[in-house]
Amino acid sequence: MEFRINGRAVAVDVDLRTSLLDLLRDHLGLTGAKKGCDQGACGACTVLVDGKRINGCLALAVQYQGCDITTVEGLAEGDHLHPLQQAFVEHDGFQCGYCTPGQLCSAIAMIAELARGVPSHVTVDIAAEAIALDHDELRERMSGNLCRCGAYNGIVAAIAETFAEKRRMTPTPLQQE
């Protein structure tokens, strides 16, 4: 199987029943994404596939051949943390850190969803030109990522600060397709 993981071409020979999470962790040594519940309920294994968030524990690696996969290890640029990673540090958006990689990947994909005009369960006007990233919208969109330590206030503050300039996401014509 061939993938592009964190900007690097990767070819591996693994059992077709291998989950994407197990491929990343056990075969490629990318241990950022965590195995929490192994049932898709906690979000600790969230990674980005072609910019969209998925639960790596529920996905077979073979499904994502040829895709661009980004893990938490691929968010930073060299020694420079992604702005959201830095905000998590500044706002104590983690305690034990177990959920943090999934939270980070999920938040980055959430902003892309807003930019595309994808509504959530709490979006008031799904026909609106822009969706506001308000308190309820942010919390709803991140609800698939659990934090057992309860660092939610720091997580929300970090996301809100990092993406403050994108508080109202208006899809471009290209993003609406």
C-alpha atoms as a PDB file:
ATOM      1  CA  MET A   1       0.000   0.000   0.000  1.00  0.00           C
ATOM      2  CA  GLU A   2       1.136   3.524  -0.743  1.00  0.00           C
ATOM      3  CA  PHE A   3       0.262   6.654   1.186  1.00  0.00           C
ATOM      4  CA  ARG A   4       1.402  10.231   1.605  1.00  0.00           C
ATOM      5  CA  ILE A   5       1.783  10.721   5.355  1.00  0.00           C
ATOM      6  CA  ASN A   6       2.767  14.102   6.774  1.00  0.00           C
ATOM      7  CA  GLY A   7       3.983  15.139   3.343  1.00  0.00           C
ATOM      8  CA  ARG A   8       6.141  12.061   2.811  1.00  0.00           C
ATOM      9  CA  ALA A   9       5.522   9.152   0.439  1.00  0.00           C
ATOM     10  CA  VAL A  10       5.231   5.870   2.351  1.00  0.00           C
ATOM     11  CA  ALA A  11       4.940   2.337   0.994  1.00  0.00           C
ATOM     12  CA  VAL A  12       4.111  -0.514   3.361  1.00  0.00           C
ATOM     13  CA  ASP A  13       3.195  -4.165   3.141  1.00  0.00           C
ATOM     14  CA  VAL A  14       0.642  -4.914   5.864  1.00  0.00           C
ATOM     15  CA  ASP A  15      -2.377  -7.139   6.347  1.00  0.00           C
ATOM     16  CA  LEU A  16      -5.466  -5.741   4.608  1.00  0.00           C
ATOM     17  CA  ARG A  17      -7.304  -5.866   7.940  1.00  0.00           C
ATOM     18  CA  THR A  18      -4.903  -3.355   9.541  1.00  0.00           C
ATOM     19  CA  SER A  19      -6.621  -0.224  10.810  1.00  0.00           C
ATOM     20  CA  LEU A  20      -5.240   3.144   9.826  1.00  0.00           C
ATOM     21  CA  LEU A  21      -4.460   3.793  13.491  1.00  0.00           C
ATOM     22  CA  ASP A  22      -2.490   0.545  13.819  1.00  0.00           C
ATOM     23  CA  LEU A  23      -0.639   1.292  10.577  1.00  0.00           C
ATOM     24  CA  LEU A  24       0.414   4.690  11.896  1.00  0.00           C
ATOM     25  CA  ARG A  25       1.323   3.562  15.413  1.00  0.00           C
ATOM     26  CA  ASP A  26       2.570  -0.008  15.062  1.00  0.00           C
ATOM     27  CA  HIS A  27       4.077  -0.028  11.582  1.00  0.00           C
ATOM     28  CA  LEU A  28       5.251   3.553  11.057  1.00  0.00           C
ATOM     29  CA  GLY A  29       6.088   4.640  14.614  1.00  0.00           C
ATOM     30  CA  LEU A  30       3.784   7.667  14.502  1.00  0.00           C
ATOM     31  CA  THR A  31       2.433   7.384  18.029  1.00  0.00           C
ATOM     32  CA  GLY A  32       0.730  10.779  18.289  1.00  0.00           C
ATOM     33  CA  ALA A  33      -2.746   9.470  17.485  1.00  0.00           C
ATOM     34  CA  LYS A  34      -3.881   7.388  20.439  1.00  0.00           C
ATOM     35  CA  LYS A  35      -5.943   4.250  20.842  1.00  0.00           C
ATOM     36  CA  GLY A  36      -8.525   5.271  23.404  1.00  0.00           C
ATOM     37  CA  CYS A  37     -11.744   3.336  23.050  1.00  0.00           C
ATOM     38  CA  ASP A  38     -11.045   1.490  19.761  1.00  0.00           C
ATOM     39  CA  GLN A  39     -14.733   2.063  18.935  1.00  0.00           C
ATOM     40  CA  GLY A  40     -14.766   5.562  17.413  1.00  0.00           C
ATOM     41  CA  ALA A  41     -16.354   7.141  20.472  1.00  0.00           C
ATOM     42  CA  CYS A  42     -13.536   9.172  22.043  1.00  0.00           C
ATOM     43  CA  GLY A  43     -11.706  10.859  19.145  1.00  0.00           C
ATOM     44  CA  ALA A  44      -8.202  10.210  20.521  1.00  0.00           C
ATOM     45  CA  CYS A  45      -7.296   8.600  17.193  1.00  0.00           C
ATOM     46  CA  THR A  46      -8.476  11.497  14.993  1.00  0.00           C
ATOM     47  CA  VAL A  47      -6.259  12.143  11.978  1.00  0.00           C
ATOM     48  CA  LEU A  48      -6.756  14.111   8.781  1.00  0.00           C
ATOM     49  CA  VAL A  49      -7.289  12.355   5.456  1.00  0.00           C
ATOM     50  CA  ASP A  50      -7.265  14.749   2.527  1.00  0.00           C
ATOM     51  CA  GLY A  51      -7.997  17.486   5.082  1.00  0.00           C
ATOM     52  CA  LYS A  52     -11.036  15.767   6.599  1.00  0.00           C
ATOM     53  CA  ARG A  53     -11.092  14.310  10.084  1.00  0.00           C
ATOM     54  CA  ILE A  54     -11.617  10.614  10.584  1.00  0.00           C
ATOM     55  CA  ASN A  55     -11.316   8.157  13.449  1.00  0.00           C
ATOM     56  CA  GLY A  56      -8.239   6.112  12.603  1.00  0.00           C
ATOM     57  CA  CYS A  57      -9.385   3.209  14.777  1.00  0.00           C
ATOM     58  CA  LEU A  58     -12.462   2.601  12.602  1.00  0.00           C
ATOM     59  CA  ALA A  59     -10.762   2.981   9.235  1.00  0.00           C
ATOM     60  CA  LEU A  60      -8.972   0.248   7.376  1.00  0.00           C
ATOM     61  CA  ALA A  61      -5.653   1.525   6.066  1.00  0.00           C
ATOM     62  CA  VAL A  62      -6.334  -0.026   2.666  1.00  0.00           C
ATOM     63  CA  GLN A  63      -9.289   2.375   2.227  1.00  0.00           C
ATOM     64  CA  TYR A  64      -6.947   5.348   2.224  1.00  0.00           C
ATOM     65  CA  GLN A  65      -4.278   4.274  -0.247  1.00  0.00           C
ATOM     66  CA  GLY A  66      -3.094   7.247  -2.276  1.00  0.00           C
ATOM     67  CA  CYS A  67      -4.572   9.734   0.189  1.00  0.00           C
ATOM     68  CA  ASP A  68      -2.807  12.565   1.966  1.00  0.00           C
ATOM     69  CA  ILE A  69      -2.803  11.682   5.672  1.00  0.00           C
ATOM     70  CA  THR A  70      -1.813  14.176   8.348  1.00  0.00           C
ATOM     71  CA  THR A  71      -1.183  13.207  11.947  1.00  0.00           C
ATOM     72  CA  VAL A  72      -0.351  15.490  14.847  1.00  0.00           C
ATOM     73  CA  GLU A  73       3.322  14.921  14.006  1.00  0.00           C
ATOM     74  CA  GLY A  74       2.720  16.638  10.664  1.00  0.00           C
ATOM     75  CA  LEU A  75       1.152  19.818  12.036  1.00  0.00           C
ATOM     76  CA  ALA A  76       4.339  21.558  13.168  1.00  0.00           C
ATOM     77  CA  GLU A  77       6.814  22.969  10.689  1.00  0.00           C
ATOM     78  CA  GLY A  78      10.184  21.802  11.898  1.00  0.00           C
ATOM     79  CA  ASP A  79      10.760  23.205  15.376  1.00  0.00           C
ATOM     80  CA  HIS A  80       7.853  25.649  15.032  1.00  0.00           C
ATOM     81  CA  LEU A  81       4.579  24.488  16.521  1.00  0.00           C
ATOM     82  CA  HIS A  82       1.365  24.972  14.590  1.00  0.00           C
ATOM     83  CA  PRO A  83      -0.387  28.063  16.030  1.00  0.00           C
ATOM     84  CA  LEU A  84      -3.089  25.817  17.514  1.00  0.00           C
ATOM     85  CA  GLN A  85      -0.479  23.641  19.220  1.00  0.00           C
ATOM     86  CA  GLN A  86       1.078  26.773  20.721  1.00  0.00           C
ATOM     87  CA  ALA A  87      -2.334  27.989  21.879  1.00  0.00           C
ATOM     88  CA  PHE A  88      -2.980  24.638  23.604  1.00  0.00           C
ATOM     89  CA  VAL A  89       0.226  25.183  25.575  1.00  0.00           C
ATOM     90  CA  GLU A  90      -0.656  28.779  26.449  1.00  0.00           C
ATOM     91  CA  HIS A  91      -4.243  27.973  27.506  1.00  0.00           C
ATOM     92  CA  ASP A  92      -3.565  24.695  29.308  1.00  0.00           C
ATOM     93  CA  GLY A  93      -5.604  22.878  26.686  1.00  0.00           C
ATOM     94  CA  PHE A  94      -4.266  19.583  27.940  1.00  0.00           C
ATOM     95  CA  GLN A  95      -3.485  17.875  31.191  1.00  0.00           C
ATOM     96  CA  CYS A  96      -2.388  14.320  30.572  1.00  0.00           C
ATOM     97  CA  GLY A  97      -2.127  15.037  26.828  1.00  0.00           C
ATOM     98  CA  TYR A  98      -3.673  11.750  25.728  1.00  0.00           C
ATOM     99  CA  CYS A  99      -6.550  13.346  23.793  1.00  0.00           C
ATOM    100  CA  THR A 100      -4.556  16.344  22.586  1.00  0.00           C
ATOM    101  CA  PRO A 101      -3.409  14.976  19.181  1.00  0.00           C
ATOM    102  CA  GLY A 102      -6.975  14.075  18.258  1.00  0.00           C
ATOM    103  CA  GLN A 103      -8.290  17.400  19.561  1.00  0.00           C
ATOM    104  CA  LEU A 104      -5.734  19.295  17.451  1.00  0.00           C
ATOM    105  CA  CYS A 105      -6.452  17.408  14.229  1.00  0.00           C
ATOM    106  CA  SER A 106     -10.199  17.649  14.799  1.00  0.00           C
ATOM    107  CA  ALA A 107     -10.080  21.410  15.388  1.00  0.00           C
ATOM    108  CA  ILE A 108      -8.081  22.021  12.221  1.00  0.00           C
ATOM    109  CA  ALA A 109     -10.570  20.000  10.170  1.00  0.00           C
ATOM    110  CA  MET A 110     -13.476  21.750  11.912  1.00  0.00           C
ATOM    111  CA  ILE A 111     -12.278  25.110  10.623  1.00  0.00           C
ATOM    112  CA  ALA A 112     -12.109  23.710   7.095  1.00  0.00           C
ATOM    113  CA  GLU A 113     -15.676  22.397   7.487  1.00  0.00           C
ATOM    114  CA  LEU A 114     -16.828  25.866   8.500  1.00  0.00           C
ATOM    115  CA  ALA A 115     -15.057  27.365   5.494  1.00  0.00           C
ATOM    116  CA  ARG A 116     -16.938  24.929   3.239  1.00  0.00           C
ATOM    117  CA  GLY A 117     -20.231  25.932   4.872  1.00  0.00           C
ATOM    118  CA  VAL A 118     -20.911  22.527   6.426  1.00  0.00           C
ATOM    119  CA  PRO A 119     -23.607  23.001   9.083  1.00  0.00           C
ATOM    120  CA  SER A 120     -23.652  21.260  12.452  1.00  0.00           C
ATOM    121  CA  HIS A 121     -26.527  20.127  14.630  1.00  0.00           C
ATOM    122  CA  VAL A 122     -26.668  23.554  16.307  1.00  0.00           C
ATOM    123  CA  THR A 123     -26.261  25.740  13.204  1.00  0.00           C
ATOM    124  CA  VAL A 124     -29.186  28.130  13.454  1.00  0.00           C
ATOM    125  CA  ASP A 125     -29.536  29.047   9.782  1.00  0.00           C
ATOM    126  CA  ILE A 126     -28.187  26.377   7.447  1.00  0.00           C
ATOM    127  CA  ALA A 127     -28.890  28.621   4.443  1.00  0.00           C
ATOM    128  CA  ALA A 128     -26.788  31.483   5.817  1.00  0.00           C
ATOM    129  CA  GLU A 129     -23.824  32.697   3.808  1.00  0.00           C
ATOM    130  CA  ALA A 130     -21.584  32.391   6.854  1.00  0.00           C
ATOM    131  CA  ILE A 131     -21.580  30.196   9.935  1.00  0.00           C
ATOM    132  CA  ALA A 132     -20.446  31.902  13.125  1.00  0.00           C
ATOM    133  CA  LEU A 133     -17.948  29.976  15.225  1.00  0.00           C
ATOM    134  CA  ASP A 134     -19.680  30.857  18.458  1.00  0.00           C
ATOM    135  CA  HIS A 135     -19.494  29.027  21.790  1.00  0.00           C
ATOM    136  CA  ASP A 136     -22.226  26.500  20.963  1.00  0.00           C
ATOM    137  CA  GLU A 137     -21.039  25.874  17.401  1.00  0.00           C
ATOM    138  CA  LEU A 138     -17.455  25.248  18.533  1.00  0.00           C
ATOM    139  CA  ARG A 139     -18.442  22.892  21.348  1.00  0.00           C
ATOM    140  CA  GLU A 140     -20.865  20.937  19.145  1.00  0.00           C
ATOM    141  CA  ARG A 141     -18.310  20.502  16.382  1.00  0.00           C
ATOM    142  CA  MET A 142     -15.690  19.277  18.870  1.00  0.00           C
ATOM    143  CA  SER A 143     -18.094  16.991  20.756  1.00  0.00           C
ATOM    144  CA  GLY A 144     -16.655  13.845  19.165  1.00  0.00           C
ATOM    145  CA  ASN A 145     -13.366  14.427  20.972  1.00  0.00           C
ATOM    146  CA  LEU A 146     -13.460  13.564  24.660  1.00  0.00           C
ATOM    147  CA  CYS A 147     -11.054  14.779  27.315  1.00  0.00           C
ATOM    148  CA  ARG A 148     -11.054  12.560  30.350  1.00  0.00           C
ATOM    149  CA  CYS A 149      -9.162  15.189  32.373  1.00  0.00           C
ATOM    150  CA  GLY A 150     -11.768  17.869  31.703  1.00  0.00           C
ATOM    151  CA  ALA A 151      -9.508  20.444  30.053  1.00  0.00           C
ATOM    152  CA  TYR A 152     -12.384  21.623  27.857  1.00  0.00           C
ATOM    153  CA  ASN A 153     -12.194  25.289  28.867  1.00  0.00           C
ATOM    154  CA  GLY A 154      -8.549  25.474  27.812  1.00  0.00           C
ATOM    155  CA  ILE A 155      -9.238  23.551  24.614  1.00  0.00           C
ATOM    156  CA  VAL A 156     -12.096  25.863  23.643  1.00  0.00           C
ATOM    157  CA  ALA A 157     -10.066  28.968  24.518  1.00  0.00           C
ATOM    158  CA  ALA A 158      -7.119  27.756  22.427  1.00  0.00           C
ATOM    159  CA  ILE A 159      -9.304  27.023  19.412  1.00  0.00           C
ATOM    160  CA  ALA A 160     -11.241  30.283  19.732  1.00  0.00           C
ATOM    161  CA  GLU A 161      -8.055  32.346  20.004  1.00  0.00           C
ATOM    162  CA  THR A 162      -6.264  30.597  17.156  1.00  0.00           C
ATOM    163  CA  PHE A 163      -9.138  30.912  14.746  1.00  0.00           C
ATOM    164  CA  ALA A 164     -10.506  34.254  15.979  1.00  0.00           C
ATOM    165  CA  GLU A 165     -10.064  35.836  12.545  1.00  0.00           C
ATOM    166  CA  LYS A 166     -12.227  33.062  11.120  1.00  0.00           C
ATOM    167  CA  ARG A 167     -15.116  33.601  13.542  1.00  0.00           C
ATOM    168  CA  ARG A 168     -17.481  33.957  10.584  1.00  0.00           C
ATOM    169  CA  MET A 169     -16.754  31.492   7.859  1.00  0.00           C
ATOM    170  CA  THR A 170     -18.130  32.467   4.455  1.00  0.00           C
ATOM    171  CA  PRO A 171     -17.686  29.754   1.847  1.00  0.00           C
ATOM    172  CA  THR A 172     -16.144  30.802  -1.439  1.00  0.00           C
ATOM    173  CA  PRO A 173     -17.930  29.645  -4.623  1.00  0.00           C
ATOM    174  CA  LEU A 174     -15.293  26.931  -5.039  1.00  0.00           C
ATOM    175  CA  GLN A 175     -15.849  25.678  -1.479  1.00  0.00           C
ATOM    176  CA  GLN A 176     -19.611  25.445  -2.009  1.00  0.00           C
ATOM    177  CA  GLU A 177     -19.298  22.795  -4.743  1.00  0.00           C
END
